C-alpha atoms as a PDB file:
ATOM      1  CA  MET A   1      12.631   0.218 -42.083  1.00  0.00           C
ATOM      2  CA  LEU A   2      10.452  -1.214 -39.319  1.00  0.00           C
ATOM      3  CA  ILE A   3       8.772  -4.537 -40.056  1.00  0.00           C
ATOM      4  CA  ARG A   4       5.682  -5.338 -38.014  1.00  0.00           C
ATOM      5  CA  GLN A   5       5.242  -8.906 -36.898  1.00  0.00           C
ATOM      6  CA  PRO A   6       1.747 -10.353 -37.317  1.00  0.00           C
ATOM      7  CA  THR A   7      -0.058 -10.644 -34.023  1.00  0.00           C
ATOM      8  CA  PRO A   8      -2.237 -13.603 -33.072  1.00  0.00           C
ATOM      9  CA  ALA A   9      -5.969 -13.056 -32.663  1.00  0.00           C
ATOM     10  CA  SER A  10      -5.627 -13.538 -28.905  1.00  0.00           C
ATOM     11  CA  ALA A  11      -3.431 -10.415 -28.779  1.00  0.00           C
ATOM     12  CA  ASN A  12      -6.435  -8.369 -29.871  1.00  0.00           C
ATOM     13  CA  CYS A  13      -7.804  -6.785 -26.707  1.00  0.00           C
ATOM     14  CA  ARG A  14     -11.460  -7.516 -27.451  1.00  0.00           C
ATOM     15  CA  THR A  15     -10.931 -11.029 -28.831  1.00  0.00           C
ATOM     16  CA  GLY A  16      -8.579 -11.930 -25.999  1.00  0.00           C
ATOM     17  CA  ARG A  17     -11.125 -10.846 -23.401  1.00  0.00           C
ATOM     18  CA  VAL A  18     -13.901 -12.854 -25.019  1.00  0.00           C
ATOM     19  CA  ARG A  19     -11.739 -15.971 -25.177  1.00  0.00           C
ATOM     20  CA  CYS A  20     -10.578 -15.564 -21.592  1.00  0.00           C
ATOM     21  CA  LYS A  21     -14.129 -15.076 -20.373  1.00  0.00           C
ATOM     22  CA  ARG A  22     -15.371 -18.162 -22.222  1.00  0.00           C
ATOM     23  CA  ARG A  23     -12.451 -20.349 -21.165  1.00  0.00           C
ATOM     24  CA  HIS A  24     -12.014 -19.314 -17.554  1.00  0.00           C
ATOM     25  CA  LEU A  25     -14.660 -17.036 -16.085  1.00  0.00           C
ATOM     26  CA  GLU A  26     -17.843 -18.649 -17.409  1.00  0.00           C
ATOM     27  CA  PRO A  27     -16.959 -22.204 -16.274  1.00  0.00           C
ATOM     28  CA  ALA A  28     -15.870 -20.908 -12.861  1.00  0.00           C
ATOM     29  CA  ALA A  29     -19.069 -18.879 -12.479  1.00  0.00           C
ATOM     30  CA  LYS A  30     -21.177 -21.877 -13.467  1.00  0.00           C
ATOM     31  CA  GLU A  31     -19.323 -24.082 -10.980  1.00  0.00           C
ATOM     32  CA  ILE A  32     -20.119 -21.782  -8.060  1.00  0.00           C
ATOM     33  CA  GLY A  33     -23.721 -21.243  -9.132  1.00  0.00           C
ATOM     34  CA  ILE A  34     -23.687 -17.814 -10.785  1.00  0.00           C
ATOM     35  CA  VAL A  35     -26.397 -17.763 -13.417  1.00  0.00           C
ATOM     36  CA  GLY A  36     -27.170 -15.114 -15.985  1.00  0.00           C
ATOM     37  CA  HIS A  37     -25.042 -12.603 -17.814  1.00  0.00           C
ATOM     38  CA  PHE A  38     -22.026 -10.945 -16.291  1.00  0.00           C
ATOM     39  CA  GLY A  39     -19.509  -8.763 -18.046  1.00  0.00           C
ATOM     40  CA  TRP A  40     -15.943  -7.609 -17.618  1.00  0.00           C
ATOM     41  CA  HIS A  41     -17.009  -4.542 -15.670  1.00  0.00           C
ATOM     42  CA  THR A  42     -18.749  -6.725 -13.076  1.00  0.00           C
ATOM     43  CA  PHE A  43     -15.694  -8.962 -12.850  1.00  0.00           C
ATOM     44  CA  LEU A  44     -13.330  -6.001 -12.407  1.00  0.00           C
ATOM     45  CA  HIS A  45     -15.584  -4.428  -9.774  1.00  0.00           C
ATOM     46  CA  THR A  46     -15.644  -7.686  -7.826  1.00  0.00           C
ATOM     47  CA  TYR A  47     -11.872  -8.049  -8.111  1.00  0.00           C
ATOM     48  CA  ALA A  48     -11.249  -4.485  -6.917  1.00  0.00           C
ATOM     49  CA  THR A  49     -13.668  -4.910  -4.009  1.00  0.00           C
ATOM     50  CA  PHE A  50     -11.941  -8.149  -3.024  1.00  0.00           C
ATOM     51  CA  LEU A  51      -8.509  -6.479  -3.117  1.00  0.00           C
ATOM     52  CA  LYS A  52      -9.646  -3.502  -1.049  1.00  0.00           C
ATOM     53  CA  GLY A  53     -11.454  -5.761   1.426  1.00  0.00           C
ATOM     54  CA  ASN A  54      -8.255  -7.728   1.981  1.00  0.00           C
ATOM     55  CA  GLY A  55      -6.250  -4.617   2.797  1.00  0.00           C
ATOM     56  CA  GLU A  56      -4.470  -4.008  -0.506  1.00  0.00           C
ATOM     57  CA  ASP A  57      -3.067  -0.500  -0.896  1.00  0.00           C
ATOM     58  CA  VAL A  58      -5.446   1.782  -2.804  1.00  0.00           C
ATOM     59  CA  LYS A  59      -2.607   2.895  -5.107  1.00  0.00           C
ATOM     60  CA  VAL A  60      -2.068  -0.733  -6.169  1.00  0.00           C
ATOM     61  CA  VAL A  61      -5.780  -1.209  -6.861  1.00  0.00           C
ATOM     62  CA  GLN A  62      -5.823   2.074  -8.797  1.00  0.00           C
ATOM     63  CA  LYS A  63      -2.962   0.898 -10.983  1.00  0.00           C
ATOM     64  CA  LEU A  64      -4.511  -2.532 -11.597  1.00  0.00           C
ATOM     65  CA  MET A  65      -7.861  -0.984 -12.539  1.00  0.00           C
ATOM     66  CA  ARG A  66      -6.097   1.616 -14.719  1.00  0.00           C
ATOM     67  CA  HIS A  67      -7.920   4.466 -13.021  1.00  0.00           C
ATOM     68  CA  ALA A  68      -6.423   7.877 -13.624  1.00  0.00           C
ATOM     69  CA  HIS A  69      -7.760   9.378 -10.372  1.00  0.00           C
ATOM     70  CA  ILE A  70      -7.925   7.937  -6.843  1.00  0.00           C
ATOM     71  CA  PRO A  71     -11.556   9.060  -6.205  1.00  0.00           C
ATOM     72  CA  VAL A  72     -12.706   6.723  -8.984  1.00  0.00           C
ATOM     73  CA  THR A  73     -10.957   3.814  -7.280  1.00  0.00           C
ATOM     74  CA  LEU A  74     -12.308   4.765  -3.849  1.00  0.00           C
ATOM     75  CA  ASN A  75     -15.884   4.612  -5.193  1.00  0.00           C
ATOM     76  CA  VAL A  76     -15.537   0.939  -6.197  1.00  0.00           C
END
């Protein structure tokens, strides 16, 4: 018999993202002068662009972004 351990709320994908954004991304954005709404997609796009701009291998970026196909990653 398999017994499931209770998981904390932060393990929930959606809840964890919201907490992370509120704790880390929003204060950092405010500190550097970004105003207005930004979401996870914007953050991930920026991160991928930064990685590619600094010469990271496209396969690594693809894996980090969880893209199934390279053309999706190349269009970032």
